[in-house]
Amino acid sequence: METRIALLAILVENESSVEALNDILHQYRQHIIGRMGIPYREKQVSIMSIAVDAPQDVISALSGKIGKLPGVSSKTAYAGGGRG
């Protein structure tokens, strides 16, 4: 199945959504290449980036689930071509 490389940029402004976010990321762990999180305490926001290599529908499902969490926003950027 063809996969794509993508980067999800995630901003968490509602600390009570962190556990649910981590649960979602755990469900998709086989597709995650790496992740980085930066707590910006002064602004009470956490900034995360998640690199994934997955089929397009998996990336869309992951992004959609994250975007439904209260106080969490995300955007996805894709690498140019697909990978087989």
PDB file of N, CA and C in Angstrom:
ATOM      1  N   MET A   1       0.830  -1.174   0.000  1.00  0.00           N
ATOM      2  CA  MET A   1       0.000   0.000   0.000  1.00  0.00           C
ATOM      3  C   MET A   1       0.884   1.251   0.000  1.00  0.00           C
ATOM      4  N   GLU A   2       0.525   2.212  -0.805  1.00  0.00           N
ATOM      5  CA  GLU A   2       1.312   3.442  -0.915  1.00  0.00           C
ATOM      6  C   GLU A   2       1.148   4.291   0.337  1.00  0.00           C
ATOM      7  N   THR A   3       2.266   4.823   0.819  1.00  0.00           N
ATOM      8  CA  THR A   3       2.241   5.679   1.998  1.00  0.00           C
ATOM      9  C   THR A   3       2.773   7.061   1.652  1.00  0.00           C
ATOM     10  N   ARG A   4       2.494   7.999   2.527  1.00  0.00           N
ATOM     11  CA  ARG A   4       2.988   9.367   2.376  1.00  0.00           C
ATOM     12  C   ARG A   4       3.675   9.775   3.670  1.00  0.00           C
ATOM     13  N   ILE A   5       4.615  10.663   3.535  1.00  0.00           N
ATOM     14  CA  ILE A   5       5.275  11.233   4.694  1.00  0.00           C
ATOM     15  C   ILE A   5       4.596  12.563   4.985  1.00  0.00           C
ATOM     16  N   ALA A   6       4.245  12.757   6.250  1.00  0.00           N
ATOM     17  CA  ALA A   6       3.554  13.981   6.641  1.00  0.00           C
ATOM     18  C   ALA A   6       4.035  14.434   8.010  1.00  0.00           C
ATOM     19  N   LEU A   7       3.835  15.708   8.264  1.00  0.00           N
ATOM     20  CA  LEU A   7       4.149  16.292   9.554  1.00  0.00           C
ATOM     21  C   LEU A   7       2.890  16.940  10.104  1.00  0.00           C
ATOM     22  N   LEU A   8       2.477  16.523  11.280  1.00  0.00           N
ATOM     23  CA  LEU A   8       1.323  17.124  11.946  1.00  0.00           C
ATOM     24  C   LEU A   8       1.833  18.132  12.958  1.00  0.00           C
ATOM     25  N   ALA A   9       1.388  19.368  12.829  1.00  0.00           N
ATOM     26  CA  ALA A   9       1.690  20.417  13.801  1.00  0.00           C
ATOM     27  C   ALA A   9       0.478  20.539  14.711  1.00  0.00           C
ATOM     28  N   ILE A  10       0.706  20.404  16.003  1.00  0.00           N
ATOM     29  CA  ILE A  10      -0.400  20.350  16.962  1.00  0.00           C
ATOM     30  C   ILE A  10      -0.173  21.381  18.065  1.00  0.00           C
ATOM     31  N   LEU A  11      -1.210  22.155  18.358  1.00  0.00           N
ATOM     32  CA  LEU A  11      -1.191  23.098  19.472  1.00  0.00           C
ATOM     33  C   LEU A  11      -2.235  22.649  20.487  1.00  0.00           C
ATOM     34  N   VAL A  12      -1.807  22.479  21.721  1.00  0.00           N
ATOM     35  CA  VAL A  12      -2.707  22.041  22.789  1.00  0.00           C
ATOM     36  C   VAL A  12      -2.875  23.190  23.779  1.00  0.00           C
ATOM     37  N   GLU A  13      -4.074  23.745  23.818  1.00  0.00           N
ATOM     38  CA  GLU A  13      -4.367  24.847  24.731  1.00  0.00           C
ATOM     39  C   GLU A  13      -5.213  24.399  25.914  1.00  0.00           C
ATOM     40  N   ASN A  14      -5.732  23.183  25.866  1.00  0.00           N
ATOM     41  CA  ASN A  14      -6.564  22.634  26.933  1.00  0.00           C
ATOM     42  C   ASN A  14      -5.827  21.430  27.511  1.00  0.00           C
ATOM     43  N   GLU A  15      -5.231  21.623  28.665  1.00  0.00           N
ATOM     44  CA  GLU A  15      -4.412  20.576  29.271  1.00  0.00           C
ATOM     45  C   GLU A  15      -5.188  19.291  29.537  1.00  0.00           C
ATOM     46  N   SER A  16      -6.484  19.402  29.719  1.00  0.00           N
ATOM     47  CA  SER A  16      -7.281  18.204  29.994  1.00  0.00           C
ATOM     48  C   SER A  16      -7.417  17.302  28.766  1.00  0.00           C
ATOM     49  N   SER A  17      -7.005  17.768  27.588  1.00  0.00           N
ATOM     50  CA  SER A  17      -7.059  16.954  26.370  1.00  0.00           C
ATOM     51  C   SER A  17      -5.773  16.170  26.123  1.00  0.00           C
ATOM     52  N   VAL A  18      -4.763  16.387  26.940  1.00  0.00           N
ATOM     53  CA  VAL A  18      -3.455  15.753  26.705  1.00  0.00           C
ATOM     54  C   VAL A  18      -3.543  14.228  26.787  1.00  0.00           C
ATOM     55  N   GLU A  19      -4.242  13.704  27.767  1.00  0.00           N
ATOM     56  CA  GLU A  19      -4.332  12.254  27.901  1.00  0.00           C
ATOM     57  C   GLU A  19      -5.023  11.624  26.691  1.00  0.00           C
ATOM     58  N   ALA A  20      -6.110  12.232  26.236  1.00  0.00           N
ATOM     59  CA  ALA A  20      -6.815  11.719  25.053  1.00  0.00           C
ATOM     60  C   ALA A  20      -5.925  11.810  23.818  1.00  0.00           C
ATOM     61  N   LEU A  21      -5.159  12.894  23.692  1.00  0.00           N
ATOM     62  CA  LEU A  21      -4.232  13.041  22.565  1.00  0.00           C
ATOM     63  C   LEU A  21      -3.189  11.937  22.593  1.00  0.00           C
ATOM     64  N   ASN A  22      -2.616  11.682  23.752  1.00  0.00           N
ATOM     65  CA  ASN A  22      -1.614  10.621  23.852  1.00  0.00           C
ATOM     66  C   ASN A  22      -2.208   9.247  23.553  1.00  0.00           C
ATOM     67  N   ASP A  23      -3.456   9.025  23.936  1.00  0.00           N
ATOM     68  CA  ASP A  23      -4.128   7.767  23.608  1.00  0.00           C
ATOM     69  C   ASP A  23      -4.276   7.598  22.094  1.00  0.00           C
ATOM     70  N   ILE A  24      -4.653   8.666  21.413  1.00  0.00           N
ATOM     71  CA  ILE A  24      -4.791   8.619  19.949  1.00  0.00           C
ATOM     72  C   ILE A  24      -3.440   8.336  19.304  1.00  0.00           C
ATOM     73  N   LEU A  25      -2.409   9.042  19.750  1.00  0.00           N
ATOM     74  CA  LEU A  25      -1.079   8.828  19.180  1.00  0.00           C
ATOM     75  C   LEU A  25      -0.606   7.398  19.428  1.00  0.00           C
ATOM     76  N   HIS A  26      -0.941   6.848  20.572  1.00  0.00           N
ATOM     77  CA  HIS A  26      -0.568   5.457  20.864  1.00  0.00           C
ATOM     78  C   HIS A  26      -1.250   4.491  19.892  1.00  0.00           C
ATOM     79  N   GLN A  27      -2.507   4.768  19.534  1.00  0.00           N
ATOM     80  CA  GLN A  27      -3.229   3.918  18.591  1.00  0.00           C
ATOM     81  C   GLN A  27      -2.555   3.912  17.215  1.00  0.00           C
ATOM     82  N   TYR A  28      -1.890   5.011  16.851  1.00  0.00           N
ATOM     83  CA  TYR A  28      -1.261   5.145  15.538  1.00  0.00           C
ATOM     84  C   TYR A  28       0.260   4.995  15.610  1.00  0.00           C
ATOM     85  N   ARG A  29       0.769   4.439  16.686  1.00  0.00           N
ATOM     86  CA  ARG A  29       2.213   4.380  16.918  1.00  0.00           C
ATOM     87  C   ARG A  29       2.994   3.692  15.804  1.00  0.00           C
ATOM     88  N   GLN A  30       2.388   2.715  15.137  1.00  0.00           N
ATOM     89  CA  GLN A  30       3.117   1.996  14.084  1.00  0.00           C
ATOM     90  C   GLN A  30       3.415   2.886  12.876  1.00  0.00           C
ATOM     91  N   HIS A  31       2.731   4.019  12.763  1.00  0.00           N
ATOM     92  CA  HIS A  31       2.943   4.940  11.645  1.00  0.00           C
ATOM     93  C   HIS A  31       3.801   6.145  12.020  1.00  0.00           C
ATOM     94  N   ILE A  32       4.077   6.310  13.308  1.00  0.00           N
ATOM     95  CA  ILE A  32       4.814   7.488  13.772  1.00  0.00           C
ATOM     96  C   ILE A  32       6.309   7.265  13.636  1.00  0.00           C
ATOM     97  N   ILE A  33       6.951   8.186  12.912  1.00  0.00           N
ATOM     98  CA  ILE A  33       8.400   8.146  12.739  1.00  0.00           C
ATOM     99  C   ILE A  33       9.070   8.767  13.964  1.00  0.00           C
ATOM    100  N   GLY A  34       8.524   9.878  14.420  1.00  0.00           N
ATOM    101  CA  GLY A  34       9.071  10.566  15.581  1.00  0.00           C
ATOM    102  C   GLY A  34       8.136  11.674  16.034  1.00  0.00           C
ATOM    103  N   ARG A  35       8.378  12.139  17.252  1.00  0.00           N
ATOM    104  CA  ARG A  35       7.538  13.209  17.784  1.00  0.00           C
ATOM    105  C   ARG A  35       8.367  14.106  18.688  1.00  0.00           C
ATOM    106  N   MET A  36       7.957  15.362  18.742  1.00  0.00           N
ATOM    107  CA  MET A  36       8.633  16.329  19.591  1.00  0.00           C
ATOM    108  C   MET A  36       7.564  17.181  20.257  1.00  0.00           C
ATOM    109  N   GLY A  37       7.718  17.413  21.527  1.00  0.00           N
ATOM    110  CA  GLY A  37       6.776  18.257  22.247  1.00  0.00           C
ATOM    111  C   GLY A  37       7.505  19.330  23.022  1.00  0.00           C
ATOM    112  N   ILE A  38       6.970  20.534  22.975  1.00  0.00           N
ATOM    113  CA  ILE A  38       7.565  21.661  23.682  1.00  0.00           C
ATOM    114  C   ILE A  38       6.484  22.314  24.538  1.00  0.00           C
ATOM    115  N   PRO A  39       6.598  22.240  25.862  1.00  0.00           N
ATOM    116  CA  PRO A  39       5.638  22.951  26.704  1.00  0.00           C
ATOM    117  C   PRO A  39       6.036  24.427  26.786  1.00  0.00           C
ATOM    118  N   TYR A  40       5.143  25.299  26.393  1.00  0.00           N
ATOM    119  CA  TYR A  40       5.395  26.739  26.460  1.00  0.00           C
ATOM    120  C   TYR A  40       4.559  27.270  27.623  1.00  0.00           C
ATOM    121  N   ARG A  41       5.084  27.113  28.804  1.00  0.00           N
ATOM    122  CA  ARG A  41       4.342  27.400  30.031  1.00  0.00           C
ATOM    123  C   ARG A  41       3.908  28.859  30.143  1.00  0.00           C
ATOM    124  N   GLU A  42       4.735  29.771  29.666  1.00  0.00           N
ATOM    125  CA  GLU A  42       4.405  31.199  29.740  1.00  0.00           C
ATOM    126  C   GLU A  42       3.092  31.526  29.034  1.00  0.00           C
ATOM    127  N   LYS A  43       2.806  30.800  27.962  1.00  0.00           N
ATOM    128  CA  LYS A  43       1.588  31.029  27.183  1.00  0.00           C
ATOM    129  C   LYS A  43       0.540  29.942  27.413  1.00  0.00           C
ATOM    130  N   GLN A  44       0.840  29.005  28.306  1.00  0.00           N
ATOM    131  CA  GLN A  44      -0.058  27.906  28.642  1.00  0.00           C
ATOM    132  C   GLN A  44      -0.509  27.129  27.400  1.00  0.00           C
ATOM    133  N   VAL A  45       0.474  26.781  26.577  1.00  0.00           N
ATOM    134  CA  VAL A  45       0.208  25.996  25.367  1.00  0.00           C
ATOM    135  C   VAL A  45       1.336  24.978  25.189  1.00  0.00           C
ATOM    136  N   SER A  46       0.997  23.822  24.677  1.00  0.00           N
ATOM    137  CA  SER A  46       2.003  22.825  24.309  1.00  0.00           C
ATOM    138  C   SER A  46       2.053  22.744  22.792  1.00  0.00           C
ATOM    139  N   ILE A  47       3.254  22.693  22.263  1.00  0.00           N
ATOM    140  CA  ILE A  47       3.477  22.658  20.824  1.00  0.00           C
ATOM    141  C   ILE A  47       4.073  21.300  20.493  1.00  0.00           C
ATOM    142  N   MET A  48       3.434  20.592  19.566  1.00  0.00           N
ATOM    143  CA  MET A  48       3.913  19.262  19.201  1.00  0.00           C
ATOM    144  C   MET A  48       4.074  19.140  17.695  1.00  0.00           C
ATOM    145  N   SER A  49       5.037  18.333  17.293  1.00  0.00           N
ATOM    146  CA  SER A  49       5.150  17.942  15.893  1.00  0.00           C
ATOM    147  C   SER A  49       5.268  16.428  15.852  1.00  0.00           C
ATOM    148  N   ILE A  50       4.506  15.837  14.942  1.00  0.00           N
ATOM    149  CA  ILE A  50       4.471  14.385  14.797  1.00  0.00           C
ATOM    150  C   ILE A  50       4.786  14.053  13.342  1.00  0.00           C
ATOM    151  N   ALA A  51       5.871  13.332  13.106  1.00  0.00           N
ATOM    152  CA  ALA A  51       6.231  12.890  11.757  1.00  0.00           C
ATOM    153  C   ALA A  51       5.664  11.492  11.550  1.00  0.00           C
ATOM    154  N   VAL A  52       4.948  11.297  10.438  1.00  0.00           N
ATOM    155  CA  VAL A  52       4.332  10.008  10.154  1.00  0.00           C
ATOM    156  C   VAL A  52       4.645   9.548   8.731  1.00  0.00           C
ATOM    157  N   ASP A  53       4.609   8.249   8.543  1.00  0.00           N
ATOM    158  CA  ASP A  53       4.702   7.619   7.227  1.00  0.00           C
ATOM    159  C   ASP A  53       3.557   6.615   7.182  1.00  0.00           C
ATOM    160  N   ALA A  54       2.484   6.973   6.455  1.00  0.00           N
ATOM    161  CA  ALA A  54       1.266   6.166   6.498  1.00  0.00           C
ATOM    162  C   ALA A  54       0.452   6.379   5.225  1.00  0.00           C
ATOM    163  N   PRO A  55      -0.500   5.504   4.963  1.00  0.00           N
ATOM    164  CA  PRO A  55      -1.428   5.736   3.856  1.00  0.00           C
ATOM    165  C   PRO A  55      -2.224   7.030   4.099  1.00  0.00           C
ATOM    166  N   GLN A  56      -2.638   7.656   3.016  1.00  0.00           N
ATOM    167  CA  GLN A  56      -3.365   8.923   3.103  1.00  0.00           C
ATOM    168  C   GLN A  56      -4.585   8.833   4.006  1.00  0.00           C
ATOM    169  N   ASP A  57      -5.343   7.765   3.926  1.00  0.00           N
ATOM    170  CA  ASP A  57      -6.555   7.665   4.748  1.00  0.00           C
ATOM    171  C   ASP A  57      -6.235   7.545   6.232  1.00  0.00           C
ATOM    172  N   VAL A  58      -5.106   6.945   6.571  1.00  0.00           N
ATOM    173  CA  VAL A  58      -4.689   6.834   7.966  1.00  0.00           C
ATOM    174  C   VAL A  58      -4.283   8.208   8.498  1.00  0.00           C
ATOM    175  N   ILE A  59      -3.543   8.954   7.696  1.00  0.00           N
ATOM    176  CA  ILE A  59      -3.135  10.308   8.099  1.00  0.00           C
ATOM    177  C   ILE A  59      -4.370  11.189   8.305  1.00  0.00           C
ATOM    178  N   SER A  60      -5.308  11.099   7.399  1.00  0.00           N
ATOM    179  CA  SER A  60      -6.539  11.894   7.518  1.00  0.00           C
ATOM    180  C   SER A  60      -7.329  11.516   8.763  1.00  0.00           C
ATOM    181  N   ALA A  61      -7.425  10.223   9.051  1.00  0.00           N
ATOM    182  CA  ALA A  61      -8.148   9.773  10.240  1.00  0.00           C
ATOM    183  C   ALA A  61      -7.461  10.268  11.513  1.00  0.00           C
ATOM    184  N   LEU A  62      -6.142  10.169  11.557  1.00  0.00           N
ATOM    185  CA  LEU A  62      -5.383  10.635  12.711  1.00  0.00           C
ATOM    186  C   LEU A  62      -5.589  12.134  12.919  1.00  0.00           C
ATOM    187  N   SER A  63      -5.435  12.898  11.867  1.00  0.00           N
ATOM    188  CA  SER A  63      -5.608  14.345  11.948  1.00  0.00           C
ATOM    189  C   SER A  63      -7.026  14.716  12.372  1.00  0.00           C
ATOM    190  N   GLY A  64      -8.007  14.013  11.838  1.00  0.00           N
ATOM    191  CA  GLY A  64      -9.399  14.274  12.184  1.00  0.00           C
ATOM    192  C   GLY A  64      -9.699  14.013  13.647  1.00  0.00           C
ATOM    193  N   LYS A  65      -9.181  12.909  14.173  1.00  0.00           N
ATOM    194  CA  LYS A  65      -9.403  12.584  15.581  1.00  0.00           C
ATOM    195  C   LYS A  65      -8.751  13.618  16.493  1.00  0.00           C
ATOM    196  N   ILE A  66      -7.551  14.042  16.122  1.00  0.00           N
ATOM    197  CA  ILE A  66      -6.852  15.052  16.924  1.00  0.00           C
ATOM    198  C   ILE A  66      -7.620  16.372  16.895  1.00  0.00           C
ATOM    199  N   GLY A  67      -8.099  16.760  15.730  1.00  0.00           N
ATOM    200  CA  GLY A  67      -8.812  18.023  15.575  1.00  0.00           C
ATOM    201  C   GLY A  67     -10.135  18.094  16.316  1.00  0.00           C
ATOM    202  N   LYS A  68     -10.692  16.943  16.692  1.00  0.00           N
ATOM    203  CA  LYS A  68     -11.959  16.924  17.427  1.00  0.00           C
ATOM    204  C   LYS A  68     -11.783  17.107  18.930  1.00  0.00           C
ATOM    205  N   LEU A  69     -10.548  17.042  19.392  1.00  0.00           N
ATOM    206  CA  LEU A  69     -10.307  17.204  20.830  1.00  0.00           C
ATOM    207  C   LEU A  69     -10.507  18.663  21.236  1.00  0.00           C
ATOM    208  N   PRO A  70     -11.133  18.902  22.375  1.00  0.00           N
ATOM    209  CA  PRO A  70     -11.345  20.282  22.819  1.00  0.00           C
ATOM    210  C   PRO A  70     -10.027  20.990  23.128  1.00  0.00           C
ATOM    211  N   GLY A  71      -9.879  22.189  22.605  1.00  0.00           N
ATOM    212  CA  GLY A  71      -8.685  22.980  22.876  1.00  0.00           C
ATOM    213  C   GLY A  71      -7.446  22.511  22.156  1.00  0.00           C
ATOM    214  N   VAL A  72      -7.627  21.701  21.110  1.00  0.00           N
ATOM    215  CA  VAL A  72      -6.490  21.186  20.333  1.00  0.00           C
ATOM    216  C   VAL A  72      -6.710  21.541  18.873  1.00  0.00           C
ATOM    217  N   SER A  73      -5.686  22.097  18.233  1.00  0.00           N
ATOM    218  CA  SER A  73      -5.772  22.373  16.799  1.00  0.00           C
ATOM    219  C   SER A  73      -4.583  21.720  16.109  1.00  0.00           C
ATOM    220  N   SER A  74      -4.788  21.333  14.858  1.00  0.00           N
ATOM    221  CA  SER A  74      -3.705  20.689  14.120  1.00  0.00           C
ATOM    222  C   SER A  74      -3.779  21.023  12.639  1.00  0.00           C
ATOM    223  N   LYS A  75      -2.632  21.010  12.022  1.00  0.00           N
ATOM    224  CA  LYS A  75      -2.499  21.182  10.574  1.00  0.00           C
ATOM    225  C   LYS A  75      -1.530  20.115  10.096  1.00  0.00           C
ATOM    226  N   THR A  76      -1.714  19.683   8.860  1.00  0.00           N
ATOM    227  CA  THR A  76      -0.864  18.636   8.302  1.00  0.00           C
ATOM    228  C   THR A  76      -0.165  19.147   7.054  1.00  0.00           C
ATOM    229  N   ALA A  77       1.141  18.904   6.990  1.00  0.00           N
ATOM    230  CA  ALA A  77       1.928  19.231   5.806  1.00  0.00           C
ATOM    231  C   ALA A  77       2.477  17.914   5.241  1.00  0.00           C
ATOM    232  N   TYR A  78       2.452  17.794   3.911  1.00  0.00           N
ATOM    233  CA  TYR A  78       2.865  16.558   3.251  1.00  0.00           C
ATOM    234  C   TYR A  78       4.152  16.746   2.468  1.00  0.00           C
ATOM    235  N   ALA A  79       4.971  15.692   2.441  1.00  0.00           N
ATOM    236  CA  ALA A  79       6.146  15.666   1.575  1.00  0.00           C
ATOM    237  C   ALA A  79       5.652  15.560   0.138  1.00  0.00           C
ATOM    238  N   GLY A  80       6.473  15.957  -0.816  1.00  0.00           N
ATOM    239  CA  GLY A  80       6.081  16.027  -2.222  1.00  0.00           C
ATOM    240  C   GLY A  80       5.493  14.779  -2.830  1.00  0.00           C
ATOM    241  N   GLY A  81       6.170  13.649  -2.776  1.00  0.00           N
ATOM    242  CA  GLY A  81       5.685  12.447  -3.446  1.00  0.00           C
ATOM    243  C   GLY A  81       5.293  11.351  -2.500  1.00  0.00           C
ATOM    244  N   GLY A  82       4.685  10.309  -3.039  1.00  0.00           N
ATOM    245  CA  GLY A  82       4.299   9.153  -2.237  1.00  0.00           C
ATOM    246  C   GLY A  82       5.450   8.184  -2.112  1.00  0.00           C
ATOM    247  N   ARG A  83       5.326   7.258  -1.221  1.00  0.00           N
ATOM    248  CA  ARG A  83       6.306   6.181  -1.022  1.00  0.00           C
ATOM    249  C   ARG A  83       5.552   4.861  -1.108  1.00  0.00           C
ATOM    250  N   GLY A  84       6.155   3.870  -1.736  1.00  0.00           N
ATOM    251  CA  GLY A  84       5.475   2.596  -1.891  1.00  0.00           C
ATOM    252  C   GLY A  84       5.840   1.554  -0.940  1.00  0.00           C
TER     253      GLY A  84
END
